[in-house]
Amino acid sequence: MSRQLEIKKLYKADGEDERVAIRALADCDLGDYIITDATFGIKGGSSNLFRHVFEFPTYLVMKDDWIVLYTKRGNQSQNGTTHFFYWNSKHNVWNDEHDTVTLIKVAAFQKKSFSDIIQP
């Protein structure tokens, strides 16, 4: 299976403008994707600990569109072929030079709160 999205750039800022730029390589639904930051392991390289996870909403993009995910607060918008999303985080997500950006295509996704599934 070929990739539909590609991480192009991480703009790591000291405040308002931290963002990830992603390019659509094919028409796709962003709702099939999550993006995370991973910490780094003791010996270097990324770990399997994902501290923050952003779930893209169901949203169709076309080949060659740009997707920009800001970590700051804001409202989803579009300007031509560029689509803007906001993590609504109070703090930068990528706060260490060893952190990594991980884009994951999820085949099926289900989420329930603890109170919905706990048995008395």
Protein backbone atom coordinates (compact mmCIF):
# COMPACT_ATOMS: atom_id res chain seq x y z
CA MET A 1 0.00 0.00 0.00
CA SER A 2 1.41 3.37 -0.94
CA ARG A 3 1.49 6.33 1.39
CA GLN A 4 -1.24 8.92 1.04
CA LEU A 5 0.30 11.57 3.30
CA GLU A 6 3.87 12.68 3.90
CA ILE A 7 5.27 14.73 6.75
CA LYS A 8 7.25 17.51 5.08
CA LYS A 9 8.35 19.84 7.89
CA LEU A 10 8.13 20.45 11.62
CA TYR A 11 8.27 24.10 12.56
CA LYS A 12 9.31 24.04 16.20
CA ALA A 13 8.80 27.44 17.71
CA ASP A 14 9.18 28.80 21.20
CA GLY A 15 5.54 29.72 21.41
CA GLU A 16 2.67 30.37 19.04
CA ASP A 17 3.75 28.90 15.72
CA GLU A 18 4.79 25.31 16.35
CA ARG A 19 3.27 23.28 13.53
CA VAL A 20 3.62 20.24 11.29
CA ALA A 21 3.23 20.57 7.51
CA ILE A 22 1.93 17.50 5.68
CA ARG A 23 1.48 17.00 1.93
CA ALA A 24 -1.30 14.83 0.46
CA LEU A 25 0.20 12.36 -2.01
CA ALA A 26 -3.27 11.10 -2.97
CA ASP A 27 -6.92 11.88 -2.31
CA CYS A 28 -7.72 10.63 1.19
CA ASP A 29 -9.74 11.04 4.36
CA LEU A 30 -7.75 12.59 7.23
CA GLY A 31 -10.08 10.78 9.64
CA ASP A 32 -8.01 7.66 8.94
CA TYR A 33 -4.95 9.26 10.57
CA ILE A 34 -3.55 10.22 13.92
CA ILE A 35 -0.36 12.12 14.62
CA THR A 36 1.75 11.73 17.75
CA ASP A 37 4.97 12.83 19.32
CA ALA A 38 7.29 10.16 20.62
CA THR A 39 9.89 10.62 23.30
CA PHE A 40 13.43 9.37 22.89
CA GLY A 41 14.93 6.22 24.32
CA ILE A 42 17.86 5.97 26.74
CA LYS A 43 20.21 4.94 23.93
CA GLY A 44 18.85 7.52 21.50
CA GLY A 45 16.27 7.04 18.79
CA SER A 46 12.56 7.26 19.38
CA SER A 47 10.75 5.25 22.01
CA ASN A 48 7.34 3.62 21.88
CA LEU A 49 5.92 6.15 24.36
CA PHE A 50 3.46 8.48 22.66
CA ARG A 51 2.79 11.41 24.99
CA HIS A 52 0.34 13.36 22.85
CA VAL A 53 -2.05 12.10 20.17
CA PHE A 54 -4.04 14.21 17.71
CA GLU A 55 -6.98 12.52 15.98
CA PHE A 56 -7.80 14.11 12.64
CA PRO A 57 -11.53 14.52 12.02
CA THR A 58 -13.27 12.97 9.03
CA TYR A 59 -12.14 15.40 6.34
CA LEU A 60 -11.40 14.80 2.67
CA VAL A 61 -8.25 16.23 1.11
CA MET A 62 -7.10 16.00 -2.49
CA LYS A 63 -3.73 15.07 -3.93
CA ASP A 64 -1.20 17.93 -3.55
CA ASP A 65 -3.21 19.66 -0.80
CA TRP A 66 -1.31 20.84 2.29
CA ILE A 67 -2.38 20.01 5.82
CA VAL A 68 -1.00 22.22 8.60
CA LEU A 69 -1.44 21.12 12.21
CA TYR A 70 -0.72 23.84 14.76
CA THR A 71 -0.24 22.85 18.38
CA LYS A 72 -1.76 26.15 19.58
CA ARG A 73 -5.43 26.96 20.04
CA GLY A 74 -7.52 27.82 17.01
CA ASN A 75 -10.37 26.82 14.74
CA GLN A 76 -10.19 24.52 11.75
CA SER A 77 -10.09 26.47 8.49
CA GLN A 78 -9.08 26.31 4.85
CA ASN A 79 -7.31 28.71 2.50
CA GLY A 80 -7.39 27.36 -1.04
CA THR A 81 -5.63 23.99 -1.01
CA THR A 82 -4.19 24.43 2.50
CA HIS A 83 -6.15 23.00 5.42
CA PHE A 84 -5.46 24.22 8.96
CA PHE A 85 -6.05 22.15 12.10
CA TYR A 86 -5.38 22.98 15.75
CA TRP A 87 -4.32 20.67 18.58
CA ASN A 88 -5.52 23.27 21.11
CA SER A 89 -2.60 22.56 23.40
CA LYS A 90 -1.48 25.12 25.98
CA HIS A 91 2.14 24.05 25.46
CA ASN A 92 4.46 23.04 22.65
CA VAL A 93 4.30 19.31 21.90
CA TRP A 94 7.78 18.91 20.42
CA ASN A 95 9.85 20.35 23.26
CA ASP A 96 13.03 18.32 22.89
CA GLU A 97 15.30 17.94 19.88
CA HIS A 98 15.03 14.14 20.14
CA ASP A 99 11.21 14.03 19.99
CA THR A 100 9.78 12.61 16.78
CA VAL A 101 6.65 13.23 14.71
CA THR A 102 4.77 10.03 13.94
CA LEU A 103 1.90 9.91 11.43
CA ILE A 104 -0.14 6.71 11.68
CA LYS A 105 -2.85 5.44 9.35
CA VAL A 106 -5.43 3.66 11.46
CA ALA A 107 -7.43 0.88 9.78
CA ALA A 108 -10.18 0.93 12.38
CA PHE A 109 -10.55 3.13 15.42
CA GLN A 110 -12.77 2.77 18.45
CA LYS A 111 -12.66 4.82 21.63
CA LYS A 112 -14.75 4.48 24.79
CA SER A 113 -14.45 6.14 28.15
CA PHE A 114 -13.63 4.05 31.20
CA SER A 115 -17.07 4.75 32.70
CA ASP A 116 -18.77 3.34 29.59
CA ILE A 117 -17.12 -0.07 29.84
CA ILE A 118 -16.55 -0.69 33.55
CA GLN A 119 -18.70 -3.45 35.04
CA PRO A 120 -20.07 -2.93 38.58
